[in-house]
């Protein structure tokens, strides 16, 4: 089964999936994935339409996307797989937009609550290995997610995480010679 090929077809904007090991990924949507791959279609919207045309629902699409994200985090946490860092971050941002756009805000909030700490860690590692264009972008996005989590959940953990992410972002800015003030609250769009 060409799971990687199918996932790359769904997420063509994430070419980094080409480096991910999907040999241990298991999904109840395997048959649908292979049918989508054989259809020759590509993209999130096309996948969503394909699922619905074949008897599935938007909830099925959301569950599948979440399962891909969770698999990437398992590879990251359990195996220290650096190849999943960029795809995991990008899939999370895709999920944020997709879930909120399709009425699954509670699922998004659960993901944010459970995984924002990992996203900060991942962004820090990406920033360490990236140039001064990509590194600050990933780290700033992670920092903005911690602000969102702090404002949404109001727990001390998220305040501490925001502080940590802010320190990491400040270091990236300093190392890259960027003079920018860290936002203290959510900016539009994040």
N, C-alpha and C. Protein backbone atom coordinates (compact mmCIF):
# COMPACT_ATOMS: atom_id res chain seq x y z
N UNK A 1 0.84 -1.19 0.00
CA UNK A 1 0.00 0.00 0.00
C UNK A 1 0.88 1.24 0.00
N UNK A 2 0.57 2.18 -0.86
CA UNK A 2 1.36 3.41 -0.98
C UNK A 2 0.73 4.53 -0.15
N UNK A 3 0.79 4.37 1.16
CA UNK A 3 0.21 5.36 2.07
C UNK A 3 0.88 6.71 1.88
N UNK A 4 2.19 6.71 1.80
CA UNK A 4 2.92 7.97 1.64
C UNK A 4 2.48 8.69 0.37
N UNK A 5 2.36 7.96 -0.72
CA UNK A 5 1.93 8.57 -1.98
C UNK A 5 0.55 9.19 -1.88
N UNK A 6 -0.36 8.49 -1.19
CA UNK A 6 -1.71 9.02 -1.03
C UNK A 6 -1.70 10.28 -0.16
N UNK A 7 -0.95 10.25 0.92
CA UNK A 7 -0.89 11.41 1.82
C UNK A 7 -0.24 12.59 1.11
N UNK A 8 0.80 12.32 0.33
CA UNK A 8 1.43 13.40 -0.43
C UNK A 8 0.47 13.97 -1.48
N UNK A 9 -0.40 13.14 -1.99
CA UNK A 9 -1.38 13.61 -2.96
C UNK A 9 -2.41 14.51 -2.29
N UNK A 10 -2.76 14.21 -1.03
CA UNK A 10 -3.72 15.02 -0.28
C UNK A 10 -3.09 16.35 0.13
N UNK A 11 -1.82 16.29 0.52
CA UNK A 11 -1.11 17.47 1.02
C UNK A 11 0.04 17.86 0.08
N UNK A 12 -0.24 18.22 -1.17
CA UNK A 12 0.85 18.52 -2.10
C UNK A 12 1.70 19.72 -1.65
N UNK A 13 1.13 20.57 -0.79
CA UNK A 13 1.87 21.75 -0.32
C UNK A 13 2.85 21.40 0.80
N UNK A 14 2.93 20.12 1.17
CA UNK A 14 3.88 19.68 2.20
C UNK A 14 4.82 18.64 1.58
N UNK A 15 5.76 19.07 0.74
CA UNK A 15 6.64 18.11 0.08
C UNK A 15 7.53 17.35 1.08
N UNK A 16 7.68 17.89 2.29
CA UNK A 16 8.51 17.23 3.31
C UNK A 16 7.96 15.86 3.71
N UNK A 17 6.71 15.57 3.35
CA UNK A 17 6.17 14.24 3.62
C UNK A 17 6.99 13.16 2.92
N UNK A 18 7.70 13.54 1.85
CA UNK A 18 8.52 12.58 1.12
C UNK A 18 9.60 11.94 1.98
N UNK A 19 9.98 12.60 3.07
CA UNK A 19 11.03 12.09 3.96
C UNK A 19 10.47 11.30 5.15
N UNK A 20 9.14 11.23 5.27
CA UNK A 20 8.52 10.61 6.45
C UNK A 20 8.33 9.11 6.22
N UNK A 21 8.62 8.33 7.25
CA UNK A 21 8.42 6.89 7.24
C UNK A 21 6.98 6.60 7.67
N UNK A 22 6.16 6.13 6.75
CA UNK A 22 4.77 5.81 7.07
C UNK A 22 4.56 4.30 7.23
N UNK A 23 5.63 3.54 7.38
CA UNK A 23 5.51 2.08 7.43
C UNK A 23 4.71 1.60 8.64
N UNK A 24 4.64 2.39 9.71
CA UNK A 24 3.90 1.97 10.90
C UNK A 24 2.56 2.69 11.04
N UNK A 25 2.19 3.48 10.03
CA UNK A 25 0.92 4.20 10.08
C UNK A 25 -0.22 3.26 9.75
N UNK A 26 -1.22 3.27 10.59
CA UNK A 26 -2.39 2.42 10.38
C UNK A 26 -3.63 3.30 10.45
N UNK A 27 -4.52 3.11 9.50
CA UNK A 27 -5.74 3.91 9.47
C UNK A 27 -6.92 3.07 8.98
N UNK A 28 -8.11 3.30 9.57
CA UNK A 28 -9.29 2.60 9.05
C UNK A 28 -9.70 3.13 7.67
N UNK A 29 -9.05 4.20 7.22
CA UNK A 29 -9.39 4.81 5.94
C UNK A 29 -8.44 4.35 4.82
N UNK A 30 -7.75 3.25 5.03
CA UNK A 30 -6.76 2.79 4.05
C UNK A 30 -7.36 2.58 2.66
N UNK A 31 -8.51 1.94 2.60
CA UNK A 31 -9.13 1.67 1.30
C UNK A 31 -9.49 2.99 0.60
N UNK A 32 -10.00 3.94 1.37
CA UNK A 32 -10.37 5.23 0.80
C UNK A 32 -9.12 5.97 0.33
N UNK A 33 -8.03 5.87 1.09
CA UNK A 33 -6.77 6.52 0.69
C UNK A 33 -6.30 5.98 -0.66
N UNK A 34 -6.33 4.66 -0.79
CA UNK A 34 -5.85 4.05 -2.03
C UNK A 34 -6.77 4.40 -3.20
N UNK A 35 -8.07 4.46 -2.93
CA UNK A 35 -9.01 4.84 -3.99
C UNK A 35 -8.76 6.28 -4.42
N UNK A 36 -8.47 7.15 -3.46
CA UNK A 36 -8.17 8.55 -3.80
C UNK A 36 -6.89 8.63 -4.62
N UNK A 37 -5.87 7.87 -4.22
CA UNK A 37 -4.60 7.86 -4.96
C UNK A 37 -4.84 7.42 -6.41
N UNK A 38 -5.63 6.38 -6.59
CA UNK A 38 -5.91 5.87 -7.93
C UNK A 38 -6.76 6.83 -8.76
N UNK A 39 -7.51 7.70 -8.08
CA UNK A 39 -8.39 8.63 -8.80
C UNK A 39 -7.62 9.68 -9.58
N UNK A 40 -6.35 9.90 -9.19
CA UNK A 40 -5.54 10.91 -9.85
C UNK A 40 -5.78 12.32 -9.35
N UNK A 41 -6.72 12.47 -8.42
CA UNK A 41 -7.00 13.80 -7.86
C UNK A 41 -5.93 14.17 -6.84
N UNK A 42 -5.88 15.48 -6.51
CA UNK A 42 -4.89 15.95 -5.54
C UNK A 42 -5.43 17.16 -4.79
N UNK A 43 -5.05 17.27 -3.54
CA UNK A 43 -5.40 18.43 -2.73
C UNK A 43 -6.42 18.12 -1.65
N UNK A 44 -6.46 19.00 -0.67
CA UNK A 44 -7.37 18.83 0.47
C UNK A 44 -8.84 18.88 0.04
N UNK A 45 -9.18 19.90 -0.73
CA UNK A 45 -10.58 20.05 -1.16
C UNK A 45 -11.03 18.85 -1.99
N UNK A 46 -10.15 18.41 -2.88
CA UNK A 46 -10.49 17.27 -3.73
C UNK A 46 -10.66 16.01 -2.87
N UNK A 47 -9.81 15.85 -1.85
CA UNK A 47 -9.93 14.69 -0.97
C UNK A 47 -11.25 14.75 -0.20
N UNK A 48 -11.56 15.91 0.32
CA UNK A 48 -12.81 16.10 1.06
C UNK A 48 -14.01 15.75 0.16
N UNK A 49 -14.03 16.29 -1.06
CA UNK A 49 -15.11 15.99 -1.99
C UNK A 49 -15.17 14.51 -2.33
N UNK A 50 -14.01 13.89 -2.53
CA UNK A 50 -13.93 12.48 -2.85
C UNK A 50 -14.53 11.63 -1.72
N UNK A 51 -14.20 11.96 -0.49
CA UNK A 51 -14.72 11.21 0.66
C UNK A 51 -16.24 11.34 0.71
N UNK A 52 -16.73 12.55 0.54
CA UNK A 52 -18.18 12.77 0.61
C UNK A 52 -18.92 12.10 -0.55
N UNK A 53 -18.32 12.12 -1.72
CA UNK A 53 -18.93 11.46 -2.88
C UNK A 53 -19.01 9.95 -2.69
N UNK A 54 -18.14 9.42 -1.85
CA UNK A 54 -18.09 7.98 -1.64
C UNK A 54 -18.68 7.57 -0.28
N UNK A 55 -19.58 8.39 0.25
CA UNK A 55 -20.33 8.00 1.44
C UNK A 55 -19.74 8.44 2.77
N UNK A 56 -18.62 9.14 2.75
CA UNK A 56 -18.03 9.62 3.99
C UNK A 56 -18.54 11.00 4.36
N UNK A 57 -18.07 11.49 5.47
CA UNK A 57 -18.51 12.80 5.97
C UNK A 57 -17.30 13.70 6.25
N UNK A 58 -17.59 14.97 6.50
CA UNK A 58 -16.53 15.89 6.90
C UNK A 58 -15.88 15.42 8.20
N UNK A 59 -16.66 14.81 9.08
CA UNK A 59 -16.11 14.28 10.33
C UNK A 59 -15.07 13.20 10.04
N UNK A 60 -15.33 12.36 9.04
CA UNK A 60 -14.36 11.33 8.64
C UNK A 60 -13.06 11.98 8.15
N UNK A 61 -13.21 13.03 7.35
CA UNK A 61 -12.03 13.74 6.83
C UNK A 61 -11.24 14.31 8.01
N UNK A 62 -11.92 14.96 8.95
CA UNK A 62 -11.25 15.53 10.11
C UNK A 62 -10.54 14.48 10.93
N UNK A 63 -11.19 13.34 11.15
CA UNK A 63 -10.56 12.26 11.93
C UNK A 63 -9.31 11.74 11.22
N UNK A 64 -9.39 11.64 9.90
CA UNK A 64 -8.22 11.19 9.14
C UNK A 64 -7.07 12.18 9.29
N UNK A 65 -7.36 13.48 9.10
CA UNK A 65 -6.31 14.50 9.24
C UNK A 65 -5.68 14.46 10.63
N UNK A 66 -6.52 14.32 11.65
CA UNK A 66 -6.01 14.26 13.02
C UNK A 66 -5.14 13.03 13.20
N UNK A 67 -5.52 11.90 12.60
CA UNK A 67 -4.72 10.68 12.74
C UNK A 67 -3.34 10.84 12.11
N UNK A 68 -3.26 11.58 11.01
CA UNK A 68 -1.96 11.84 10.38
C UNK A 68 -1.11 12.68 11.32
N UNK A 69 -1.69 13.72 11.89
CA UNK A 69 -0.97 14.59 12.82
C UNK A 69 -0.48 13.78 14.03
N UNK A 70 -1.34 12.96 14.60
CA UNK A 70 -0.96 12.17 15.77
C UNK A 70 0.15 11.18 15.43
N UNK A 71 0.09 10.58 14.25
CA UNK A 71 1.15 9.67 13.83
C UNK A 71 2.49 10.40 13.76
N UNK A 72 2.48 11.59 13.19
CA UNK A 72 3.72 12.37 13.09
C UNK A 72 4.27 12.67 14.48
N UNK A 73 3.40 13.02 15.42
CA UNK A 73 3.87 13.30 16.78
C UNK A 73 4.41 12.05 17.46
N UNK A 74 3.80 10.91 17.20
CA UNK A 74 4.33 9.65 17.75
C UNK A 74 5.74 9.40 17.21
N UNK A 75 5.92 9.60 15.91
CA UNK A 75 7.26 9.41 15.32
C UNK A 75 8.26 10.38 15.96
N UNK A 76 7.81 11.58 16.22
CA UNK A 76 8.67 12.60 16.82
C UNK A 76 9.02 12.24 18.27
N UNK A 77 8.00 11.95 19.06
CA UNK A 77 8.22 11.70 20.49
C UNK A 77 8.90 10.38 20.74
N UNK A 78 8.43 9.32 20.11
CA UNK A 78 8.91 7.98 20.42
C UNK A 78 10.24 7.68 19.75
N UNK A 79 10.41 8.16 18.52
CA UNK A 79 11.59 7.79 17.76
C UNK A 79 12.55 8.95 17.51
N UNK A 80 12.20 10.14 17.96
CA UNK A 80 13.06 11.30 17.74
C UNK A 80 13.27 11.58 16.26
N UNK A 81 12.28 11.29 15.45
CA UNK A 81 12.38 11.41 14.00
C UNK A 81 12.31 12.88 13.56
N UNK A 82 13.45 13.44 13.18
CA UNK A 82 13.49 14.84 12.73
C UNK A 82 12.73 15.08 11.44
N UNK A 83 12.56 14.04 10.64
CA UNK A 83 11.88 14.19 9.34
C UNK A 83 10.40 14.55 9.49
N UNK A 84 9.84 14.35 10.67
CA UNK A 84 8.42 14.65 10.84
C UNK A 84 8.18 16.05 11.39
N UNK A 85 9.22 16.76 11.77
CA UNK A 85 9.03 18.06 12.43
C UNK A 85 8.29 19.07 11.55
N UNK A 86 8.80 19.34 10.38
CA UNK A 86 8.16 20.32 9.50
C UNK A 86 6.76 19.84 9.08
N UNK A 87 6.59 18.58 8.64
CA UNK A 87 5.24 18.14 8.30
C UNK A 87 4.26 18.24 9.47
N UNK A 88 4.70 17.87 10.68
CA UNK A 88 3.80 17.94 11.84
C UNK A 88 3.34 19.37 12.07
N UNK A 89 4.26 20.31 12.00
CA UNK A 89 3.92 21.72 12.22
C UNK A 89 2.95 22.21 11.15
N UNK A 90 3.25 21.87 9.90
CA UNK A 90 2.39 22.31 8.80
C UNK A 90 1.01 21.65 8.85
N UNK A 91 0.96 20.37 9.22
CA UNK A 91 -0.33 19.69 9.32
C UNK A 91 -1.16 20.31 10.45
N UNK A 92 -0.50 20.66 11.56
CA UNK A 92 -1.25 21.29 12.65
C UNK A 92 -1.89 22.60 12.17
N UNK A 93 -1.12 23.41 11.47
CA UNK A 93 -1.68 24.68 10.98
C UNK A 93 -2.80 24.45 9.97
N UNK A 94 -2.65 23.42 9.15
CA UNK A 94 -3.71 23.06 8.22
C UNK A 94 -4.96 22.62 8.98
N UNK A 95 -4.74 21.79 10.01
CA UNK A 95 -5.85 21.33 10.84
C UNK A 95 -6.56 22.50 11.51
N UNK A 96 -5.79 23.45 12.01
CA UNK A 96 -6.38 24.61 12.67
C UNK A 96 -7.39 25.28 11.74
N UNK A 97 -6.96 25.56 10.53
CA UNK A 97 -7.86 26.20 9.57
C UNK A 97 -9.02 25.31 9.17
N UNK A 98 -8.71 24.05 8.86
CA UNK A 98 -9.74 23.14 8.36
C UNK A 98 -10.79 22.87 9.44
N UNK A 99 -10.37 22.54 10.64
CA UNK A 99 -11.32 22.22 11.71
C UNK A 99 -12.21 23.42 12.05
N UNK A 100 -11.60 24.58 12.17
CA UNK A 100 -12.39 25.78 12.48
C UNK A 100 -13.34 26.15 11.35
N UNK A 101 -12.89 25.98 10.13
CA UNK A 101 -13.72 26.32 8.96
C UNK A 101 -14.93 25.41 8.83
N UNK A 102 -14.78 24.16 9.28
CA UNK A 102 -15.85 23.18 9.08
C UNK A 102 -16.65 22.88 10.35
N UNK A 103 -16.53 23.73 11.37
CA UNK A 103 -17.37 23.59 12.55
C UNK A 103 -16.87 22.64 13.62
N UNK A 104 -15.59 22.29 13.55
CA UNK A 104 -15.01 21.38 14.54
C UNK A 104 -14.08 22.13 15.49
N UNK A 105 -14.55 23.29 15.97
CA UNK A 105 -13.72 24.14 16.83
C UNK A 105 -13.29 23.41 18.10
N UNK A 106 -14.18 22.58 18.66
CA UNK A 106 -13.83 21.86 19.89
C UNK A 106 -12.68 20.88 19.66
N UNK A 107 -12.67 20.23 18.49
CA UNK A 107 -11.56 19.33 18.17
C UNK A 107 -10.26 20.12 18.07
N UNK A 108 -10.33 21.30 17.45
CA UNK A 108 -9.13 22.13 17.36
C UNK A 108 -8.65 22.53 18.76
N UNK A 109 -9.57 22.96 19.62
CA UNK A 109 -9.16 23.37 20.97
C UNK A 109 -8.51 22.21 21.73
N UNK A 110 -9.04 21.00 21.55
CA UNK A 110 -8.44 19.83 22.21
C UNK A 110 -7.01 19.60 21.70
N UNK A 111 -6.83 19.74 20.39
CA UNK A 111 -5.49 19.56 19.82
C UNK A 111 -4.54 20.64 20.34
N UNK A 112 -5.00 21.87 20.36
CA UNK A 112 -4.17 22.97 20.86
C UNK A 112 -3.79 22.71 22.31
N UNK A 113 -4.77 22.34 23.12
CA UNK A 113 -4.54 22.08 24.54
C UNK A 113 -3.51 20.97 24.74
N UNK A 114 -3.65 19.90 23.98
CA UNK A 114 -2.80 18.73 24.17
C UNK A 114 -1.41 18.85 23.56
N UNK A 115 -1.28 19.59 22.47
CA UNK A 115 -0.05 19.49 21.69
C UNK A 115 0.74 20.77 21.50
N UNK A 116 0.27 21.90 22.02
CA UNK A 116 1.01 23.15 21.79
C UNK A 116 2.43 23.09 22.36
N UNK A 117 2.61 22.38 23.45
CA UNK A 117 3.96 22.24 24.01
C UNK A 117 4.91 21.53 23.05
N UNK A 118 4.42 20.50 22.39
CA UNK A 118 5.24 19.80 21.39
C UNK A 118 5.54 20.71 20.20
N UNK A 119 4.56 21.53 19.82
CA UNK A 119 4.77 22.43 18.68
C UNK A 119 5.84 23.46 18.99
N UNK A 120 5.89 23.94 20.23
CA UNK A 120 6.95 24.87 20.62
C UNK A 120 8.31 24.19 20.53
N UNK A 121 8.38 22.97 21.03
CA UNK A 121 9.63 22.21 20.98
C UNK A 121 10.06 21.97 19.53
N UNK A 122 9.12 21.57 18.70
CA UNK A 122 9.40 21.32 17.29
C UNK A 122 9.86 22.60 16.60
N UNK A 123 9.16 23.70 16.85
CA UNK A 123 9.53 24.98 16.21
C UNK A 123 10.94 25.39 16.61
N UNK A 124 11.29 25.17 17.88
CA UNK A 124 12.64 25.49 18.33
C UNK A 124 13.69 24.69 17.59
N UNK A 125 13.42 23.42 17.37
CA UNK A 125 14.37 22.57 16.64
C UNK A 125 14.45 22.97 15.17
N UNK A 126 13.31 23.31 14.58
CA UNK A 126 13.32 23.76 13.18
C UNK A 126 14.13 25.06 13.08
N UNK A 127 13.90 25.98 14.03
CA UNK A 127 14.59 27.27 14.01
C UNK A 127 16.09 27.11 14.14
N UNK A 128 16.54 26.14 14.94
CA UNK A 128 17.98 25.89 15.11
C UNK A 128 18.64 25.50 13.79
N UNK A 129 17.90 24.77 12.95
CA UNK A 129 18.48 24.24 11.71
C UNK A 129 18.14 25.07 10.48
N UNK A 130 17.36 26.13 10.66
CA UNK A 130 16.88 26.89 9.51
C UNK A 130 17.62 28.21 9.36
N UNK A 131 17.41 28.82 8.20
CA UNK A 131 17.98 30.14 7.96
C UNK A 131 17.17 31.20 8.70
N UNK A 132 17.59 32.44 8.57
CA UNK A 132 16.96 33.53 9.31
C UNK A 132 15.65 34.03 8.67
N UNK A 133 15.17 33.29 7.71
CA UNK A 133 13.85 33.59 7.17
C UNK A 133 12.85 32.57 7.72
N UNK A 134 13.18 31.29 7.58
CA UNK A 134 12.28 30.23 8.04
C UNK A 134 12.25 30.09 9.56
N UNK A 135 13.40 30.08 10.18
CA UNK A 135 13.48 29.87 11.62
C UNK A 135 12.60 30.82 12.42
N UNK A 136 12.74 32.12 12.22
CA UNK A 136 11.88 33.06 12.95
C UNK A 136 10.39 32.88 12.64
N UNK A 137 10.06 32.50 11.41
CA UNK A 137 8.65 32.32 11.04
C UNK A 137 8.02 31.17 11.83
N UNK A 138 8.73 30.04 11.90
CA UNK A 138 8.22 28.90 12.67
C UNK A 138 8.11 29.25 14.15
N UNK A 139 9.16 29.88 14.68
CA UNK A 139 9.18 30.17 16.11
C UNK A 139 8.11 31.20 16.47
N UNK A 140 7.91 32.20 15.62
CA UNK A 140 6.88 33.21 15.90
C UNK A 140 5.49 32.56 15.86
N UNK A 141 5.28 31.68 14.90
CA UNK A 141 3.99 30.99 14.81
C UNK A 141 3.74 30.17 16.07
N UNK A 142 4.76 29.45 16.54
CA UNK A 142 4.61 28.67 17.78
C UNK A 142 4.32 29.58 18.95
N UNK A 143 5.01 30.71 19.02
CA UNK A 143 4.79 31.67 20.09
C UNK A 143 3.35 32.18 20.06
N UNK A 144 2.85 32.52 18.88
CA UNK A 144 1.47 32.99 18.76
C UNK A 144 0.46 31.91 19.17
N UNK A 145 0.79 30.65 18.90
CA UNK A 145 -0.07 29.55 19.34
C UNK A 145 -0.10 29.47 20.87
N UNK A 146 1.03 29.76 21.53
CA UNK A 146 1.04 29.73 23.00
C UNK A 146 0.20 30.87 23.57
N UNK A 147 0.21 32.02 22.90
CA UNK A 147 -0.65 33.13 23.34
C UNK A 147 -2.11 32.71 23.21
N UNK A 148 -2.44 32.08 22.08
CA UNK A 148 -3.81 31.61 21.87
C UNK A 148 -4.20 30.61 22.95
N UNK A 149 -3.31 29.68 23.26
CA UNK A 149 -3.59 28.68 24.30
C UNK A 149 -3.76 29.34 25.66
N UNK A 150 -2.90 30.29 25.96
CA UNK A 150 -2.99 30.98 27.25
C UNK A 150 -4.32 31.73 27.36
N UNK A 151 -4.71 32.43 26.29
CA UNK A 151 -5.97 33.18 26.30
C UNK A 151 -7.18 32.25 26.33
N UNK A 152 -7.07 31.10 25.69
CA UNK A 152 -8.19 30.17 25.61
C UNK A 152 -8.38 29.38 26.89
N UNK A 153 -7.28 28.91 27.47
CA UNK A 153 -7.38 27.99 28.61
C UNK A 153 -7.06 28.62 29.96
N UNK A 154 -6.28 29.69 29.95
CA UNK A 154 -6.01 30.43 31.17
C UNK A 154 -5.29 29.69 32.28
N UNK A 155 -4.63 28.62 31.98
CA UNK A 155 -3.93 27.84 33.01
C UNK A 155 -2.47 28.30 33.10
N UNK A 156 -1.89 28.11 34.28
CA UNK A 156 -0.51 28.52 34.52
C UNK A 156 0.46 27.84 33.54
N UNK A 157 0.19 26.58 33.20
CA UNK A 157 1.06 25.85 32.28
C UNK A 157 1.22 26.62 30.98
N UNK A 158 0.12 27.15 30.44
CA UNK A 158 0.17 27.84 29.16
C UNK A 158 0.86 29.20 29.29
N UNK A 159 0.75 29.83 30.45
CA UNK A 159 1.49 31.08 30.69
C UNK A 159 2.99 30.82 30.71
N UNK A 160 3.38 29.73 31.37
CA UNK A 160 4.80 29.36 31.41
C UNK A 160 5.30 28.98 30.02
N UNK A 161 4.47 28.27 29.28
CA UNK A 161 4.84 27.87 27.92
C UNK A 161 5.00 29.10 27.03
N UNK A 162 4.10 30.07 27.18
CA UNK A 162 4.22 31.32 26.40
C UNK A 162 5.52 32.03 26.75
N UNK A 163 5.86 32.06 28.01
CA UNK A 163 7.10 32.70 28.44
C UNK A 163 8.31 31.99 27.82
N UNK A 164 8.31 30.66 27.88
CA UNK A 164 9.40 29.87 27.30
C UNK A 164 9.51 30.11 25.79
N UNK A 165 8.36 30.06 25.10
CA UNK A 165 8.36 30.28 23.65
C UNK A 165 8.82 31.69 23.31
N UNK A 166 8.44 32.66 24.14
CA UNK A 166 8.87 34.04 23.94
C UNK A 166 10.38 34.18 24.07
N UNK A 167 10.95 33.49 25.05
CA UNK A 167 12.41 33.50 25.22
C UNK A 167 13.10 32.85 24.03
N UNK A 168 12.52 31.76 23.55
CA UNK A 168 13.10 31.08 22.38
C UNK A 168 13.03 31.98 21.15
N UNK A 169 11.90 32.66 20.97
CA UNK A 169 11.74 33.55 19.82
C UNK A 169 12.69 34.73 19.93
N UNK A 170 12.82 35.29 21.12
CA UNK A 170 13.74 36.42 21.32
C UNK A 170 15.18 36.01 20.96
N UNK A 171 15.56 34.79 21.32
CA UNK A 171 16.90 34.30 20.99
C UNK A 171 17.07 34.16 19.47
N UNK A 172 16.06 33.62 18.81
CA UNK A 172 16.11 33.49 17.35
C UNK A 172 16.23 34.87 16.72
N UNK A 173 15.42 35.81 17.20
CA UNK A 173 15.50 37.18 16.67
C UNK A 173 16.90 37.76 16.87
N UNK A 174 17.44 37.58 18.07
CA UNK A 174 18.77 38.13 18.37
C UNK A 174 19.82 37.50 17.46
N UNK A 175 19.79 36.16 17.36
CA UNK A 175 20.76 35.44 16.52
C UNK A 175 20.67 35.87 15.05
N UNK A 176 19.48 36.25 14.62
CA UNK A 176 19.28 36.63 13.22
C UNK A 176 19.35 38.15 13.01
N UNK A 177 19.59 38.89 14.09
CA UNK A 177 19.68 40.34 13.96
C UNK A 177 18.35 41.00 13.63
N UNK A 178 17.26 40.38 14.09
CA UNK A 178 15.93 40.92 13.83
C UNK A 178 15.50 41.76 15.03
N UNK A 179 15.11 42.99 14.74
CA UNK A 179 14.61 43.86 15.81
C UNK A 179 13.11 43.93 15.70
N UNK A 180 12.44 43.11 16.47
CA UNK A 180 10.98 43.08 16.46
C UNK A 180 10.50 42.85 17.88
N UNK A 181 9.45 43.54 18.27
CA UNK A 181 8.88 43.38 19.60
C UNK A 181 7.94 42.18 19.60
N UNK A 182 8.03 41.36 20.64
CA UNK A 182 7.15 40.20 20.72
C UNK A 182 5.72 40.65 21.03
N UNK A 183 4.76 40.13 20.30
CA UNK A 183 3.37 40.47 20.61
C UNK A 183 2.96 39.89 21.96
N UNK A 184 2.09 40.58 22.65
CA UNK A 184 1.63 40.12 23.96
C UNK A 184 0.25 39.49 23.90
N UNK A 185 -0.43 39.68 22.77
CA UNK A 185 -1.73 39.05 22.60
C UNK A 185 -1.86 38.59 21.16
N UNK A 186 -2.90 37.84 20.92
CA UNK A 186 -3.10 37.28 19.58
C UNK A 186 -3.18 38.35 18.52
N UNK A 187 -2.48 38.08 17.41
CA UNK A 187 -2.61 38.93 16.23
C UNK A 187 -3.72 38.36 15.39
N UNK A 188 -4.29 39.14 14.52
CA UNK A 188 -5.33 38.63 13.62
C UNK A 188 -4.78 37.48 12.80
N UNK A 189 -5.54 36.41 12.72
CA UNK A 189 -5.15 35.28 11.88
C UNK A 189 -4.45 34.16 12.61
N UNK A 190 -4.13 34.32 13.88
CA UNK A 190 -3.50 33.21 14.58
C UNK A 190 -4.10 32.99 15.93
